[in-house]
Amino acid sequence: MAKYTKRRRIIQGLSLLVLASIPLRLLCFDFETDSIRAYGAEFGLSTMFYPLFAIVGLLLYVVILSMKKGRIFCSHMCPMHMFLETVNSSGNRNSGRRPLLVWGLAIVLSLFLAEVILSFFLPISRQVVLVGEGHRALIGIGAAIFLGLLGLFVHYQESFCKRGCPYALIQMLLQSDRTRYMEFSNPEKTCTNCRGCDNVCPFNLRARFESRGTDCTNCNLCAEACEVELGAGNTLFHLIDAQSVEDSVFR
């Protein structure tokens, strides 16, 4: 596994841990005290702007970073990308078990993310009590969130990422000739047309022809697949930081 992918896996794992901390009430909104709890710290009405400012700052940082690095949120933190990396891997893409894997993983992720959203406002124990009492609003909201997420994971998958995701739209507007891109270069005609790069792409892109578009998340999996085919240290795919190339030209 390449260093780039190892780093992505670590960040993906940390992202899941942050989400998992919400049902554990390590990060949540407490209606009883009208405060936000964040890993041992508590922010009331007078200090609530601190965590909100941090969240807004993080979002702005991701947006600004995306101008330089491309769809970095997708490849490093998005649960949908993690889902697609699993179900669209070369071992699962054409496997007979893929439909079962899609449904199983989609149900687990939908339940998990729905609970993350609900438990930010209500602890699980309180949810159980309200559901037991037949609280229609909570049941309806929970069911709507779960079914909506399930539909995205099962039916829309990468189509949502390409055409419906708000972040994808933002990235499309922010991308410029200085944004990092994945370049396929085959000057010595060493490509064997194994299509390993296509088979491993989470978004079902034709990697050799579509990696420079706005749909590519620069996950680097195509480069690794190419290296498997051509041998260690040999790949026809390279992540290009356009700014670095420009600087080197004028030095």
Protein backbone atom coordinates (compact mmCIF):
# COMPACT_ATOMS: atom_id res chain seq x y z
CA MET A 1 0.00 0.00 0.00
CA ALA A 2 1.39 3.38 -1.05
CA LYS A 3 2.18 6.07 1.52
CA TYR A 4 -0.57 8.27 0.08
CA THR A 5 -3.19 5.55 0.57
CA LYS A 6 -1.94 4.76 4.08
CA ARG A 7 -2.44 8.41 4.96
CA ARG A 8 -5.92 8.33 3.45
CA ARG A 9 -6.81 5.24 5.46
CA ILE A 10 -5.66 6.91 8.68
CA ILE A 11 -7.73 10.03 7.98
CA GLN A 12 -10.74 7.90 6.99
CA GLY A 13 -10.41 5.98 10.26
CA LEU A 14 -10.19 9.19 12.28
CA SER A 15 -13.25 10.54 10.47
CA LEU A 16 -15.24 7.43 11.41
CA LEU A 17 -14.07 7.74 15.02
CA VAL A 18 -15.33 11.33 15.15
CA LEU A 19 -18.71 10.19 13.83
CA ALA A 20 -18.78 7.30 16.31
CA SER A 21 -18.11 9.73 19.17
CA ILE A 22 -21.45 11.43 18.55
CA PRO A 23 -23.68 8.50 19.67
CA LEU A 24 -21.32 8.16 22.64
CA ARG A 25 -22.23 11.79 23.48
CA LEU A 26 -18.64 12.92 23.35
CA LEU A 27 -19.73 15.43 20.73
CA CYS A 28 -23.37 16.53 20.94
CA PHE A 29 -25.94 19.20 21.69
CA ASP A 30 -27.55 18.94 25.12
CA PHE A 31 -31.09 20.34 25.18
CA GLU A 32 -31.29 20.14 28.97
CA THR A 33 -28.43 22.58 29.46
CA ASP A 34 -28.66 24.32 26.07
CA SER A 35 -25.00 23.61 25.45
CA ILE A 36 -22.67 21.85 23.06
CA ARG A 37 -20.42 19.18 24.50
CA ALA A 38 -17.14 18.50 22.73
CA TYR A 39 -14.83 15.88 24.22
CA GLY A 40 -15.05 16.98 27.82
CA ALA A 41 -15.58 20.70 27.21
CA GLU A 42 -19.00 22.30 27.49
CA PHE A 43 -20.06 25.45 25.68
CA GLY A 44 -23.20 27.26 26.82
CA LEU A 45 -25.18 29.98 25.10
CA SER A 46 -22.54 32.62 25.80
CA THR A 47 -19.62 30.52 24.53
CA MET A 48 -21.35 28.41 21.86
CA PHE A 49 -19.79 30.51 19.12
CA TYR A 50 -16.43 28.82 19.85
CA PRO A 51 -17.37 25.33 18.56
CA LEU A 52 -19.53 26.86 15.82
CA PHE A 53 -16.61 29.05 14.76
CA ALA A 54 -14.37 25.95 14.75
CA ILE A 55 -16.84 24.05 12.55
CA VAL A 56 -17.16 26.94 10.11
CA GLY A 57 -13.39 27.33 10.10
CA LEU A 58 -12.95 23.63 9.33
CA LEU A 59 -15.44 23.83 6.47
CA LEU A 60 -13.68 26.86 5.02
CA TYR A 61 -10.33 25.10 5.37
CA VAL A 62 -11.66 22.09 3.43
CA VAL A 63 -13.06 24.38 0.73
CA ILE A 64 -9.82 26.35 0.41
CA LEU A 65 -7.74 23.16 0.43
CA SER A 66 -9.98 21.78 -2.30
CA MET A 67 -8.98 24.67 -4.55
CA LYS A 68 -5.42 23.32 -4.47
CA LYS A 69 -5.82 19.58 -3.84
CA GLY A 70 -9.09 18.78 -5.63
CA ARG A 71 -11.89 16.68 -4.10
CA ILE A 72 -9.83 15.86 -1.05
CA PHE A 73 -12.84 15.63 1.27
CA CYS A 74 -14.30 12.84 -0.89
CA SER A 75 -11.21 10.64 -0.97
CA HIS A 76 -10.17 11.25 2.64
CA MET A 77 -13.34 11.64 4.74
CA CYS A 78 -16.59 10.91 2.90
CA PRO A 79 -18.44 7.71 3.98
CA MET A 80 -19.82 7.31 0.45
CA HIS A 81 -16.30 7.18 -0.97
CA MET A 82 -15.34 4.53 1.62
CA PHE A 83 -18.43 2.57 0.61
CA LEU A 84 -17.59 2.82 -3.10
CA GLU A 85 -13.97 1.87 -2.52
CA THR A 86 -15.24 -1.36 -0.95
CA VAL A 87 -18.05 -2.38 -3.29
CA ASN A 88 -16.26 -1.22 -6.47
CA SER A 89 -12.89 -2.74 -5.63
CA SER A 90 -11.39 -5.02 -8.26
CA GLY A 91 -12.23 -8.06 -6.15
CA ASN A 92 -15.88 -7.12 -5.62
CA ARG A 93 -16.85 -5.22 -8.78
CA ASN A 94 -17.76 -8.26 -10.88
CA SER A 95 -18.28 -10.69 -8.03
CA GLY A 96 -21.57 -12.48 -7.55
CA ARG A 97 -21.54 -11.38 -3.93
CA ARG A 98 -21.50 -7.68 -4.82
CA PRO A 99 -25.31 -7.12 -4.58
CA LEU A 100 -25.35 -8.70 -1.12
CA LEU A 101 -22.30 -6.68 -0.10
CA VAL A 102 -23.92 -3.47 -1.37
CA TRP A 103 -27.13 -4.05 0.57
CA GLY A 104 -25.40 -5.24 3.73
CA LEU A 105 -22.90 -2.41 3.87
CA ALA A 106 -25.55 0.13 2.82
CA ILE A 107 -27.86 -0.91 5.65
CA VAL A 108 -25.06 -0.78 8.23
CA LEU A 109 -23.82 2.65 7.08
CA SER A 110 -27.35 4.06 6.78
CA LEU A 111 -28.23 2.94 10.31
CA PHE A 112 -24.94 4.27 11.64
CA LEU A 113 -25.20 7.68 9.96
CA ALA A 114 -28.88 8.06 10.82
CA GLU A 115 -28.05 7.38 14.45
CA VAL A 116 -25.16 9.85 14.29
CA ILE A 117 -27.55 12.58 13.14
CA LEU A 118 -30.25 11.77 15.70
CA SER A 119 -27.94 11.22 18.65
CA PHE A 120 -26.27 14.59 18.17
CA PHE A 121 -29.50 15.99 19.61
CA LEU A 122 -30.96 13.07 21.59
CA PRO A 123 -29.07 10.39 23.53
CA ILE A 124 -29.76 6.82 22.46
CA SER A 125 -31.42 6.04 25.79
CA ARG A 126 -33.90 8.87 25.26
CA GLN A 127 -34.56 7.74 21.70
CA VAL A 128 -35.40 4.23 22.93
CA VAL A 129 -37.88 5.63 25.43
CA LEU A 130 -39.57 7.85 22.85
CA VAL A 131 -39.77 5.07 20.26
CA GLY A 132 -41.24 2.78 22.91
CA GLU A 133 -43.88 5.42 23.59
CA GLY A 134 -44.69 5.57 19.89
CA HIS A 135 -43.31 9.05 19.30
CA ARG A 136 -44.33 9.49 15.66
CA ALA A 137 -42.17 12.50 14.90
CA LEU A 138 -38.96 10.80 16.01
CA ILE A 139 -39.89 7.54 14.27
CA GLY A 140 -40.77 9.40 11.07
CA ILE A 141 -37.61 11.51 11.08
CA GLY A 142 -35.43 8.50 11.81
CA ALA A 143 -37.08 6.40 9.11
CA ALA A 144 -36.82 9.23 6.55
CA ILE A 145 -33.11 9.74 7.25
CA PHE A 146 -32.41 6.00 7.10
CA LEU A 147 -34.35 5.41 3.87
CA GLY A 148 -32.84 8.48 2.24
CA LEU A 149 -29.31 7.32 3.04
CA LEU A 150 -30.13 3.77 1.98
CA GLY A 151 -31.37 5.04 -1.38
CA LEU A 152 -28.13 6.94 -1.91
CA PHE A 153 -25.94 3.96 -1.06
CA VAL A 154 -27.93 1.33 -2.97
CA HIS A 155 -29.37 3.11 -6.00
CA TYR A 156 -27.42 6.31 -6.68
CA GLN A 157 -23.89 5.58 -5.44
CA GLU A 158 -21.31 7.41 -7.61
CA SER A 159 -24.10 9.08 -9.63
CA PHE A 160 -24.97 11.11 -6.53
CA CYS A 161 -21.31 12.00 -6.02
CA LYS A 162 -21.00 13.19 -9.62
CA ARG A 163 -24.32 15.00 -10.05
CA GLY A 164 -26.05 15.54 -6.71
CA CYS A 165 -23.42 16.16 -4.04
CA PRO A 166 -23.20 19.86 -2.99
CA TYR A 167 -19.48 19.49 -2.36
CA ALA A 168 -19.00 18.25 -5.93
CA LEU A 169 -20.72 21.39 -7.20
CA ILE A 170 -18.52 23.59 -5.01
CA GLN A 171 -15.41 21.77 -6.22
CA MET A 172 -16.48 22.15 -9.84
CA LEU A 173 -16.77 25.91 -9.31
CA LEU A 174 -13.46 26.17 -7.44
CA GLN A 175 -11.32 23.99 -9.69
CA SER A 176 -8.80 25.88 -11.79
CA ASP A 177 -5.61 25.24 -13.72
CA ARG A 178 -3.80 25.31 -10.37
CA THR A 179 -5.77 22.44 -8.85
CA ARG A 180 -4.06 19.07 -8.37
CA TYR A 181 -5.00 16.48 -10.94
CA MET A 182 -4.23 12.86 -11.81
CA GLU A 183 -2.29 12.66 -15.06
CA PHE A 184 -2.02 9.59 -17.27
CA SER A 185 1.09 9.67 -19.41
CA ASN A 186 2.19 6.84 -21.70
CA PRO A 187 5.00 8.27 -23.89
CA GLU A 188 6.83 4.95 -24.21
CA LYS A 189 3.65 2.99 -24.99
CA THR A 190 4.10 0.67 -22.02
CA CYS A 191 0.39 0.51 -21.13
CA THR A 192 -0.78 -3.10 -21.42
CA ASN A 193 -4.48 -2.18 -21.56
CA CYS A 194 -5.09 -4.39 -18.52
CA ARG A 195 -7.84 -1.99 -17.41
CA GLY A 196 -6.78 -2.45 -13.81
CA CYS A 197 -7.06 1.31 -13.35
CA ASP A 198 -10.67 1.24 -14.57
CA ASN A 199 -11.56 -1.76 -12.42
CA VAL A 200 -10.32 -0.16 -9.22
CA CYS A 201 -11.80 3.33 -9.68
CA PRO A 202 -14.50 3.90 -7.00
CA PHE A 203 -16.40 6.25 -9.32
CA ASN A 204 -16.36 3.92 -12.35
CA LEU A 205 -14.32 6.37 -14.38
CA ARG A 206 -12.26 5.41 -17.41
CA ALA A 207 -9.16 6.37 -15.49
CA ARG A 208 -6.86 6.90 -18.47
CA PHE A 209 -9.26 9.35 -20.10
CA GLU A 210 -11.32 10.90 -17.28
CA SER A 211 -8.90 11.35 -14.39
CA ARG A 212 -8.39 15.05 -15.13
CA GLY A 213 -12.11 15.84 -14.85
CA THR A 214 -13.98 17.19 -11.84
CA ASP A 215 -15.29 13.70 -10.97
CA CYS A 216 -11.84 12.34 -10.10
CA THR A 217 -11.13 12.44 -6.36
CA ASN A 218 -7.36 11.90 -6.65
CA CYS A 219 -7.60 8.78 -4.50
CA ASN A 220 -4.47 7.38 -6.24
CA LEU A 221 -5.91 3.87 -6.55
CA CYS A 222 -5.43 3.86 -10.32
CA ALA A 223 -1.74 4.64 -9.86
CA GLU A 224 -1.40 1.72 -7.47
CA ALA A 225 -3.24 -0.63 -9.82
CA CYS A 226 -0.93 0.42 -12.65
CA GLU A 227 2.09 -0.25 -10.48
CA VAL A 228 0.81 -3.76 -9.76
CA GLU A 229 0.66 -4.40 -13.51
CA LEU A 230 3.95 -2.76 -14.51
CA GLY A 231 5.98 -3.56 -11.41
CA ALA A 232 6.97 -1.76 -8.24
CA GLY A 233 7.94 1.85 -8.86
CA ASN A 234 6.43 1.91 -12.34
CA THR A 235 3.13 3.64 -12.96
CA LEU A 236 1.67 5.71 -15.77
CA PHE A 237 -0.48 7.75 -13.35
CA HIS A 238 0.91 10.66 -11.36
CA LEU A 239 -0.66 13.24 -9.06
CA ILE A 240 0.33 16.63 -10.43
CA ASP A 241 0.37 19.81 -8.36
CA ALA A 242 -0.06 22.38 -11.10
CA GLN A 243 1.35 25.20 -8.98
CA SER A 244 4.58 23.27 -8.43
CA VAL A 245 4.92 22.65 -12.15
CA GLU A 246 4.38 26.36 -12.85
CA ASP A 247 6.97 27.37 -10.26
CA SER A 248 9.55 24.97 -11.66
CA VAL A 249 9.08 26.40 -15.15
CA PHE A 250 9.82 29.98 -14.10
CA ARG A 251 12.75 29.19 -11.83
